[in-house]
Structures are given as structure tokens and as C-alpha cells.
Amino acid sequence: MERRGKVTFQGREIETVEVDFKVVKEDWNEYELADGTKIRVKAVTSNINRAIDEFDSDGNPLYLVKSSNVLALSVPENLKKGAKDTGKEVH
């Protein structure tokens, strides 16, 4: 059964249809900060809707994606709350 809805997009109400999907790949983006912290971020999609009769500047259908960011941290001990101050400042 097709699930239709309406959302506000760029100040106006548009009609959408929910599109079923399967996860093919969800990779982590990894970052190493100057202070030694390592951050891993991954977007996890929960819902995808296609706008009806709405297109981008290249003529592609407009998709609206609901997702959440998942965050994983690896933080040096000296940056954690309650860590002893070593007098060393990291830039």
C-alpha cells in the first residue's frame, strides 16, 4: 500500500510518497582531531520519501531523507572530566 503524506518544504506544503528501501552499506566517517580525539560518525536512515511532481535543477526527483547521526568517540584520558591537569596544552 502506498503511503502518502504532506510536508512543509521551502515554505510550502508538498505531497510525498514513502519509498521502501534496504540498507546496502552504512560506512563510518572517521576524523582524528588535533587534540588526539578520534570521532566516528555514521548517518542511519530511518525513512525516505519522494516528493510528488517536485524535481531538482537537474530534473531528478526530490527525495526527503530522515536520518540520525550515530557518534563514537575515542578521547585521550587527559581530556576527560576529572583528569589530572598535566600542564600540557594541546593545540
PDB file of N, CA and C in Angstrom:
ATOM      1  N   MET A   1       0.841  -1.186   0.000  1.00  0.00           N
ATOM      2  CA  MET A   1       0.000   0.000   0.000  1.00  0.00           C
ATOM      3  C   MET A   1       0.884   1.248   0.000  1.00  0.00           C
ATOM      4  N   GLU A   2       0.586   2.168  -0.867  1.00  0.00           N
ATOM      5  CA  GLU A   2       1.347   3.411  -0.983  1.00  0.00           C
ATOM      6  C   GLU A   2       1.019   4.322   0.187  1.00  0.00           C
ATOM      7  N   ARG A   3       2.064   4.820   0.841  1.00  0.00           N
ATOM      8  CA  ARG A   3       1.883   5.713   1.990  1.00  0.00           C
ATOM      9  C   ARG A   3       2.207   7.135   1.553  1.00  0.00           C
ATOM     10  N   ARG A   4       1.188   7.944   1.460  1.00  0.00           N
ATOM     11  CA  ARG A   4       1.345   9.342   1.050  1.00  0.00           C
ATOM     12  C   ARG A   4       1.265  10.246   2.261  1.00  0.00           C
ATOM     13  N   GLY A   5       1.854  11.420   2.109  1.00  0.00           N
ATOM     14  CA  GLY A   5       1.817  12.399   3.180  1.00  0.00           C
ATOM     15  C   GLY A   5       2.095  13.780   2.628  1.00  0.00           C
ATOM     16  N   LYS A   6       2.132  14.746   3.515  1.00  0.00           N
ATOM     17  CA  LYS A   6       2.452  16.123   3.150  1.00  0.00           C
ATOM     18  C   LYS A   6       3.492  16.640   4.124  1.00  0.00           C
ATOM     19  N   VAL A   7       4.432  17.413   3.592  1.00  0.00           N
ATOM     20  CA  VAL A   7       5.458  18.047   4.423  1.00  0.00           C
ATOM     21  C   VAL A   7       5.626  19.489   3.982  1.00  0.00           C
ATOM     22  N   THR A   8       6.150  20.297   4.872  1.00  0.00           N
ATOM     23  CA  THR A   8       6.489  21.669   4.513  1.00  0.00           C
ATOM     24  C   THR A   8       7.924  21.669   4.011  1.00  0.00           C
ATOM     25  N   PHE A   9       8.115  22.170   2.808  1.00  0.00           N
ATOM     26  CA  PHE A   9       9.439  22.224   2.187  1.00  0.00           C
ATOM     27  C   PHE A   9       9.613  23.586   1.554  1.00  0.00           C
ATOM     28  N   GLN A  10      10.655  24.301   1.962  1.00  0.00           N
ATOM     29  CA  GLN A  10      10.947  25.636   1.469  1.00  0.00           C
ATOM     30  C   GLN A  10       9.731  26.562   1.558  1.00  0.00           C
ATOM     31  N   GLY A  11       9.046  26.492   2.691  1.00  0.00           N
ATOM     32  CA  GLY A  11       7.944  27.395   2.966  1.00  0.00           C
ATOM     33  C   GLY A  11       6.610  27.043   2.340  1.00  0.00           C
ATOM     34  N   ARG A  12       6.518  25.878   1.690  1.00  0.00           N
ATOM     35  CA  ARG A  12       5.227  25.483   1.118  1.00  0.00           C
ATOM     36  C   ARG A  12       4.978  24.008   1.364  1.00  0.00           C
ATOM     37  N   GLU A  13       3.725  23.642   1.343  1.00  0.00           N
ATOM     38  CA  GLU A  13       3.351  22.250   1.583  1.00  0.00           C
ATOM     39  C   GLU A  13       3.437  21.453   0.286  1.00  0.00           C
ATOM     40  N   ILE A  14       4.131  20.302   0.344  1.00  0.00           N
ATOM     41  CA  ILE A  14       4.232  19.437  -0.831  1.00  0.00           C
ATOM     42  C   ILE A  14       3.775  18.032  -0.471  1.00  0.00           C
ATOM     43  N   GLU A  15       3.306  17.311  -1.478  1.00  0.00           N
ATOM     44  CA  GLU A  15       2.880  15.929  -1.281  1.00  0.00           C
ATOM     45  C   GLU A  15       4.061  15.003  -1.481  1.00  0.00           C
ATOM     46  N   THR A  16       4.091  13.930  -0.680  1.00  0.00           N
ATOM     47  CA  THR A  16       5.164  12.954  -0.776  1.00  0.00           C
ATOM     48  C   THR A  16       4.593  11.540  -0.756  1.00  0.00           C
ATOM     49  N   VAL A  17       5.424  10.601  -1.180  1.00  0.00           N
ATOM     50  CA  VAL A  17       5.098   9.193  -1.071  1.00  0.00           C
ATOM     51  C   VAL A  17       6.299   8.502  -0.428  1.00  0.00           C
ATOM     52  N   GLU A  18       6.052   7.663   0.591  1.00  0.00           N
ATOM     53  CA  GLU A  18       7.126   6.946   1.261  1.00  0.00           C
ATOM     54  C   GLU A  18       7.673   5.870   0.334  1.00  0.00           C
ATOM     55  N   VAL A  19       8.988   5.745   0.286  1.00  0.00           N
ATOM     56  CA  VAL A  19       9.650   4.772  -0.570  1.00  0.00           C
ATOM     57  C   VAL A  19      10.339   3.732   0.318  1.00  0.00           C
ATOM     58  N   ASP A  20       9.990   2.469   0.128  1.00  0.00           N
ATOM     59  CA  ASP A  20      10.668   1.404   0.863  1.00  0.00           C
ATOM     60  C   ASP A  20      12.113   1.314   0.398  1.00  0.00           C
ATOM     61  N   PHE A  21      13.002   0.891   1.288  1.00  0.00           N
ATOM     62  CA  PHE A  21      14.415   0.784   0.934  1.00  0.00           C
ATOM     63  C   PHE A  21      15.063  -0.330   1.742  1.00  0.00           C
ATOM     64  N   LYS A  22      16.216  -0.783   1.236  1.00  0.00           N
ATOM     65  CA  LYS A  22      17.040  -1.708   2.009  1.00  0.00           C
ATOM     66  C   LYS A  22      18.414  -1.082   2.151  1.00  0.00           C
ATOM     67  N   VAL A  23      19.041  -1.315   3.275  1.00  0.00           N
ATOM     68  CA  VAL A  23      20.373  -0.781   3.520  1.00  0.00           C
ATOM     69  C   VAL A  23      21.374  -1.629   2.742  1.00  0.00           C
ATOM     70  N   VAL A  24      22.138  -0.976   1.883  1.00  0.00           N
ATOM     71  CA  VAL A  24      23.177  -1.656   1.113  1.00  0.00           C
ATOM     72  C   VAL A  24      24.513  -1.521   1.836  1.00  0.00           C
ATOM     73  N   LYS A  25      24.773  -0.315   2.369  1.00  0.00           N
ATOM     74  CA  LYS A  25      26.034  -0.068   3.062  1.00  0.00           C
ATOM     75  C   LYS A  25      25.892   1.178   3.924  1.00  0.00           C
ATOM     76  N   GLU A  26      26.342   1.106   5.156  1.00  0.00           N
ATOM     77  CA  GLU A  26      26.386   2.267   6.042  1.00  0.00           C
ATOM     78  C   GLU A  26      27.779   2.335   6.642  1.00  0.00           C
ATOM     79  N   ASP A  27      28.627   3.140   6.037  1.00  0.00           N
ATOM     80  CA  ASP A  27      30.011   3.265   6.490  1.00  0.00           C
ATOM     81  C   ASP A  27      30.169   4.371   7.519  1.00  0.00           C
ATOM     82  N   TRP A  28      31.251   4.266   8.256  1.00  0.00           N
ATOM     83  CA  TRP A  28      31.640   5.296   9.211  1.00  0.00           C
ATOM     84  C   TRP A  28      32.536   6.318   8.527  1.00  0.00           C
ATOM     85  N   ASN A  29      32.381   7.583   8.868  1.00  0.00           N
ATOM     86  CA  ASN A  29      33.339   8.634   8.536  1.00  0.00           C
ATOM     87  C   ASN A  29      34.209   8.786   9.778  1.00  0.00           C
ATOM     88  N   GLU A  30      35.517   8.805   9.593  1.00  0.00           N
ATOM     89  CA  GLU A  30      36.425   8.863  10.738  1.00  0.00           C
ATOM     90  C   GLU A  30      37.282  10.117  10.680  1.00  0.00           C
ATOM     91  N   TYR A  31      37.442  10.756  11.846  1.00  0.00           N
ATOM     92  CA  TYR A  31      38.191  12.003  11.951  1.00  0.00           C
ATOM     93  C   TYR A  31      39.135  11.916  13.142  1.00  0.00           C
ATOM     94  N   GLU A  32      40.372  12.384  12.958  1.00  0.00           N
ATOM     95  CA  GLU A  32      41.315  12.479  14.058  1.00  0.00           C
ATOM     96  C   GLU A  32      41.581  13.954  14.306  1.00  0.00           C
ATOM     97  N   LEU A  33      41.268  14.405  15.507  1.00  0.00           N
ATOM     98  CA  LEU A  33      41.394  15.814  15.855  1.00  0.00           C
ATOM     99  C   LEU A  33      42.800  16.136  16.361  1.00  0.00           C
ATOM    100  N   ALA A  34      43.147  17.401  16.328  1.00  0.00           N
ATOM    101  CA  ALA A  34      44.466  17.854  16.761  1.00  0.00           C
ATOM    102  C   ALA A  34      44.725  17.539  18.232  1.00  0.00           C
ATOM    103  N   ASP A  35      43.679  17.412  19.043  1.00  0.00           N
ATOM    104  CA  ASP A  35      43.860  17.119  20.470  1.00  0.00           C
ATOM    105  C   ASP A  35      43.968  15.620  20.756  1.00  0.00           C
ATOM    106  N   GLY A  36      43.987  14.796  19.693  1.00  0.00           N
ATOM    107  CA  GLY A  36      44.130  13.350  19.867  1.00  0.00           C
ATOM    108  C   GLY A  36      42.816  12.589  19.901  1.00  0.00           C
ATOM    109  N   THR A  37      41.708  13.298  19.923  1.00  0.00           N
ATOM    110  CA  THR A  37      40.405  12.651  19.915  1.00  0.00           C
ATOM    111  C   THR A  37      40.134  12.033  18.543  1.00  0.00           C
ATOM    112  N   LYS A  38      39.527  10.861  18.546  1.00  0.00           N
ATOM    113  CA  LYS A  38      39.085  10.235  17.306  1.00  0.00           C
ATOM    114  C   LYS A  38      37.564  10.173  17.331  1.00  0.00           C
ATOM    115  N   ILE A  39      36.958  10.656  16.253  1.00  0.00           N
ATOM    116  CA  ILE A  39      35.500  10.694  16.154  1.00  0.00           C
ATOM    117  C   ILE A  39      35.084   9.860  14.953  1.00  0.00           C
ATOM    118  N   ARG A  40      34.103   9.010  15.189  1.00  0.00           N
ATOM    119  CA  ARG A  40      33.499   8.243  14.097  1.00  0.00           C
ATOM    120  C   ARG A  40      32.033   8.640  14.020  1.00  0.00           C
ATOM    121  N   VAL A  41      31.555   8.950  12.814  1.00  0.00           N
ATOM    122  CA  VAL A  41      30.179   9.393  12.607  1.00  0.00           C
ATOM    123  C   VAL A  41      29.562   8.570  11.493  1.00  0.00           C
ATOM    124  N   LYS A  42      28.311   8.174  11.708  1.00  0.00           N
ATOM    125  CA  LYS A  42      27.590   7.419  10.689  1.00  0.00           C
ATOM    126  C   LYS A  42      26.148   7.914  10.658  1.00  0.00           C
ATOM    127  N   ALA A  43      25.640   8.187   9.457  1.00  0.00           N
ATOM    128  CA  ALA A  43      24.227   8.547   9.300  1.00  0.00           C
ATOM    129  C   ALA A  43      23.426   7.264   9.118  1.00  0.00           C
ATOM    130  N   VAL A  44      22.377   7.112   9.920  1.00  0.00           N
ATOM    131  CA  VAL A  44      21.497   5.948   9.826  1.00  0.00           C
ATOM    132  C   VAL A  44      20.119   6.439   9.381  1.00  0.00           C
ATOM    133  N   THR A  45      19.706   6.010   8.202  1.00  0.00           N
ATOM    134  CA  THR A  45      18.450   6.465   7.612  1.00  0.00           C
ATOM    135  C   THR A  45      17.278   5.651   8.154  1.00  0.00           C
ATOM    136  N   SER A  46      16.201   6.354   8.511  1.00  0.00           N
ATOM    137  CA  SER A  46      15.016   5.676   9.032  1.00  0.00           C
ATOM    138  C   SER A  46      13.817   5.781   8.095  1.00  0.00           C
ATOM    139  N   ASN A  47      13.833   6.775   7.190  1.00  0.00           N
ATOM    140  CA  ASN A  47      12.670   6.983   6.342  1.00  0.00           C
ATOM    141  C   ASN A  47      13.077   7.761   5.098  1.00  0.00           C
ATOM    142  N   ILE A  48      12.527   7.364   3.941  1.00  0.00           N
ATOM    143  CA  ILE A  48      12.776   8.099   2.693  1.00  0.00           C
ATOM    144  C   ILE A  48      11.437   8.361   2.011  1.00  0.00           C
ATOM    145  N   ASN A  49      11.219   9.605   1.635  1.00  0.00           N
ATOM    146  CA  ASN A  49      10.016   9.999   0.904  1.00  0.00           C
ATOM    147  C   ASN A  49      10.415  10.684  -0.400  1.00  0.00           C
ATOM    148  N   ARG A  50       9.658  10.430  -1.444  1.00  0.00           N
ATOM    149  CA  ARG A  50       9.860  11.120  -2.717  1.00  0.00           C
ATOM    150  C   ARG A  50       8.742  12.146  -2.865  1.00  0.00           C
ATOM    151  N   ALA A  51       9.123  13.364  -3.201  1.00  0.00           N
ATOM    152  CA  ALA A  51       8.132  14.411  -3.417  1.00  0.00           C
ATOM    153  C   ALA A  51       7.430  14.163  -4.753  1.00  0.00           C
ATOM    154  N   ILE A  52       6.142  14.352  -4.767  1.00  0.00           N
ATOM    155  CA  ILE A  52       5.351  14.155  -5.980  1.00  0.00           C
ATOM    156  C   ILE A  52       5.394  15.442  -6.806  1.00  0.00           C
ATOM    157  N   ASP A  53       5.787  15.304  -8.064  1.00  0.00           N
ATOM    158  CA  ASP A  53       5.862  16.443  -9.002  1.00  0.00           C
ATOM    159  C   ASP A  53       6.815  17.538  -8.545  1.00  0.00           C
ATOM    160  N   GLU A  54       7.905  17.153  -7.863  1.00  0.00           N
ATOM    161  CA  GLU A  54       8.938  18.100  -7.446  1.00  0.00           C
ATOM    162  C   GLU A  54      10.279  17.552  -7.923  1.00  0.00           C
ATOM    163  N   PHE A  55      11.125  18.415  -8.491  1.00  0.00           N
ATOM    164  CA  PHE A  55      12.386  17.978  -9.074  1.00  0.00           C
ATOM    165  C   PHE A  55      13.488  18.973  -8.751  1.00  0.00           C
ATOM    166  N   ASP A  56      14.736  18.487  -8.734  1.00  0.00           N
ATOM    167  CA  ASP A  56      15.863  19.387  -8.519  1.00  0.00           C
ATOM    168  C   ASP A  56      16.253  20.054  -9.843  1.00  0.00           C
ATOM    169  N   SER A  57      17.299  20.864  -9.810  1.00  0.00           N
ATOM    170  CA  SER A  57      17.686  21.620 -11.005  1.00  0.00           C
ATOM    171  C   SER A  57      18.187  20.743 -12.154  1.00  0.00           C
ATOM    172  N   ASP A  58      18.542  19.476 -11.860  1.00  0.00           N
ATOM    173  CA  ASP A  58      18.968  18.538 -12.905  1.00  0.00           C
ATOM    174  C   ASP A  58      17.821  17.666 -13.416  1.00  0.00           C
ATOM    175  N   GLY A  59      16.621  17.882 -12.892  1.00  0.00           N
ATOM    176  CA  GLY A  59      15.465  17.099 -13.317  1.00  0.00           C
ATOM    177  C   GLY A  59      15.259  15.817 -12.527  1.00  0.00           C
ATOM    178  N   ASN A  60      16.074  15.597 -11.486  1.00  0.00           N
ATOM    179  CA  ASN A  60      15.923  14.396 -10.645  1.00  0.00           C
ATOM    180  C   ASN A  60      14.775  14.583  -9.664  1.00  0.00           C
ATOM    181  N   PRO A  61      14.081  13.489  -9.319  1.00  0.00           N
ATOM    182  CA  PRO A  61      13.033  13.599  -8.306  1.00  0.00           C
ATOM    183  C   PRO A  61      13.629  14.083  -6.982  1.00  0.00           C
ATOM    184  N   LEU A  62      12.854  14.824  -6.224  1.00  0.00           N
ATOM    185  CA  LEU A  62      13.282  15.324  -4.926  1.00  0.00           C
ATOM    186  C   LEU A  62      12.991  14.269  -3.868  1.00  0.00           C
ATOM    187  N   TYR A  63      14.023  13.870  -3.117  1.00  0.00           N
ATOM    188  CA  TYR A  63      13.866  12.896  -2.035  1.00  0.00           C
ATOM    189  C   TYR A  63      14.108  13.586  -0.702  1.00  0.00           C
ATOM    190  N   LEU A  64      13.304  13.242   0.278  1.00  0.00           N
ATOM    191  CA  LEU A  64      13.441  13.749   1.636  1.00  0.00           C
ATOM    192  C   LEU A  64      13.841  12.567   2.511  1.00  0.00           C
ATOM    193  N   VAL A  65      14.979  12.690   3.183  1.00  0.00           N
ATOM    194  CA  VAL A  65      15.545  11.581   3.938  1.00  0.00           C
ATOM    195  C   VAL A  65      15.587  11.939   5.418  1.00  0.00           C
ATOM    196  N   LYS A  66      15.005  11.074   6.259  1.00  0.00           N
ATOM    197  CA  LYS A  66      15.111  11.232   7.710  1.00  0.00           C
ATOM    198  C   LYS A  66      16.232  10.324   8.167  1.00  0.00           C
ATOM    199  N   SER A  67      17.170  10.911   8.912  1.00  0.00           N
ATOM    200  CA  SER A  67      18.279  10.110   9.413  1.00  0.00           C
ATOM    201  C   SER A  67      18.731  10.644  10.766  1.00  0.00           C
ATOM    202  N   SER A  68      19.496   9.808  11.459  1.00  0.00           N
ATOM    203  CA  SER A  68      20.104  10.180  12.729  1.00  0.00           C
ATOM    204  C   SER A  68      21.597   9.948  12.625  1.00  0.00           C
ATOM    205  N   ASN A  69      22.361  10.789  13.272  1.00  0.00           N
ATOM    206  CA  ASN A  69      23.804  10.593  13.317  1.00  0.00           C
ATOM    207  C   ASN A  69      24.155   9.735  14.518  1.00  0.00           C
ATOM    208  N   VAL A  70      24.961   8.716  14.279  1.00  0.00           N
ATOM    209  CA  VAL A  70      25.493   7.884  15.349  1.00  0.00           C
ATOM    210  C   VAL A  70      26.940   8.315  15.546  1.00  0.00           C
ATOM    211  N   LEU A  71      27.327   8.572  16.779  1.00  0.00           N
ATOM    212  CA  LEU A  71      28.637   9.117  17.084  1.00  0.00           C
ATOM    213  C   LEU A  71      29.378   8.171  18.020  1.00  0.00           C
ATOM    214  N   ALA A  72      30.638   7.875  17.696  1.00  0.00           N
ATOM    215  CA  ALA A  72      31.501   7.082  18.566  1.00  0.00           C
ATOM    216  C   ALA A  72      32.778   7.873  18.809  1.00  0.00           C
ATOM    217  N   LEU A  73      33.178   7.986  20.075  1.00  0.00           N
ATOM    218  CA  LEU A  73      34.351   8.781  20.447  1.00  0.00           C
ATOM    219  C   LEU A  73      35.434   7.920  21.066  1.00  0.00           C
ATOM    220  N   SER A  74      36.663   8.296  20.785  1.00  0.00           N
ATOM    221  CA  SER A  74      37.828   7.765  21.480  1.00  0.00           C
ATOM    222  C   SER A  74      38.612   8.985  21.926  1.00  0.00           C
ATOM    223  N   VAL A  75      38.529   9.278  23.230  1.00  0.00           N
ATOM    224  CA  VAL A  75      39.064  10.531  23.762  1.00  0.00           C
ATOM    225  C   VAL A  75      40.270  10.240  24.658  1.00  0.00           C
ATOM    226  N   PRO A  76      41.359  11.003  24.486  1.00  0.00           N
ATOM    227  CA  PRO A  76      42.503  10.835  25.382  1.00  0.00           C
ATOM    228  C   PRO A  76      42.092  11.063  26.842  1.00  0.00           C
ATOM    229  N   GLU A  77      42.689  10.303  27.743  1.00  0.00           N
ATOM    230  CA  GLU A  77      42.322  10.366  29.167  1.00  0.00           C
ATOM    231  C   GLU A  77      42.454  11.773  29.740  1.00  0.00           C
ATOM    232  N   ASN A  78      43.477  12.536  29.289  1.00  0.00           N
ATOM    233  CA  ASN A  78      43.702  13.869  29.869  1.00  0.00           C
ATOM    234  C   ASN A  78      42.608  14.869  29.506  1.00  0.00           C
ATOM    235  N   LEU A  79      41.740  14.544  28.555  1.00  0.00           N
ATOM    236  CA  LEU A  79      40.651  15.449  28.188  1.00  0.00           C
ATOM    237  C   LEU A  79      39.345  15.120  28.914  1.00  0.00           C
ATOM    238  N   LYS A  80      39.306  13.980  29.577  1.00  0.00           N
ATOM    239  CA  LYS A  80      38.068  13.559  30.239  1.00  0.00           C
ATOM    240  C   LYS A  80      37.872  14.314  31.550  1.00  0.00           C
ATOM    241  N   LYS A  81      36.624  14.483  31.928  1.00  0.00           N
ATOM    242  CA  LYS A  81      36.275  15.182  33.163  1.00  0.00           C
ATOM    243  C   LYS A  81      36.927  14.464  34.341  1.00  0.00           C
ATOM    244  N   GLY A  82      37.557  15.243  35.190  1.00  0.00           N
ATOM    245  CA  GLY A  82      38.193  14.680  36.372  1.00  0.00           C
ATOM    246  C   GLY A  82      39.630  14.251  36.147  1.00  0.00           C
ATOM    247  N   ALA A  83      40.129  14.390  34.912  1.00  0.00           N
ATOM    248  CA  ALA A  83      41.518  14.020  34.635  1.00  0.00           C
ATOM    249  C   ALA A  83      42.453  15.008  35.307  1.00  0.00           C
ATOM    250  N   LYS A  84      43.609  14.521  35.763  1.00  0.00           N
ATOM    251  CA  LYS A  84      44.598  15.411  36.373  1.00  0.00           C
ATOM    252  C   LYS A  84      45.188  16.312  35.312  1.00  0.00           C
ATOM    253  N   ASP A  85      45.361  17.584  35.667  1.00  0.00           N
ATOM    254  CA  ASP A  85      45.960  18.554  34.745  1.00  0.00           C
ATOM    255  C   ASP A  85      47.453  18.311  34.685  1.00  0.00           C
ATOM    256  N   THR A  86      47.963  17.995  33.496  1.00  0.00           N
ATOM    257  CA  THR A  86      49.393  17.718  33.325  1.00  0.00           C
ATOM    258  C   THR A  86      50.176  18.981  32.999  1.00  0.00           C
ATOM    259  N   GLY A  87      49.471  20.081  32.781  1.00  0.00           N
ATOM    260  CA  GLY A  87      50.145  21.309  32.421  1.00  0.00           C
ATOM    261  C   GLY A  87      50.446  21.395  30.931  1.00  0.00           C
ATOM    262  N   LYS A  88      50.178  20.332  30.230  1.00  0.00           N
ATOM    263  CA  LYS A  88      50.407  20.320  28.792  1.00  0.00           C
ATOM    264  C   LYS A  88      49.134  20.742  28.077  1.00  0.00           C
ATOM    265  N   GLU A  89      49.272  21.693  27.183  1.00  0.00           N
ATOM    266  CA  GLU A  89      48.128  22.155  26.426  1.00  0.00           C
ATOM    267  C   GLU A  89      48.270  21.668  24.989  1.00  0.00           C
ATOM    268  N   VAL A  90      47.236  21.059  24.460  1.00  0.00           N
ATOM    269  CA  VAL A  90      47.266  20.544  23.094  1.00  0.00           C
ATOM    270  C   VAL A  90      46.578  21.538  22.181  1.00  0.00           C
ATOM    271  N   HIS A  91      47.213  21.832  21.043  1.00  0.00           N
ATOM    272  CA  HIS A  91      46.628  22.766  20.072  1.00  0.00           C
ATOM    273  C   HIS A  91      46.242  22.035  18.825  1.00  0.00           C
TER     274      HIS A  91
END
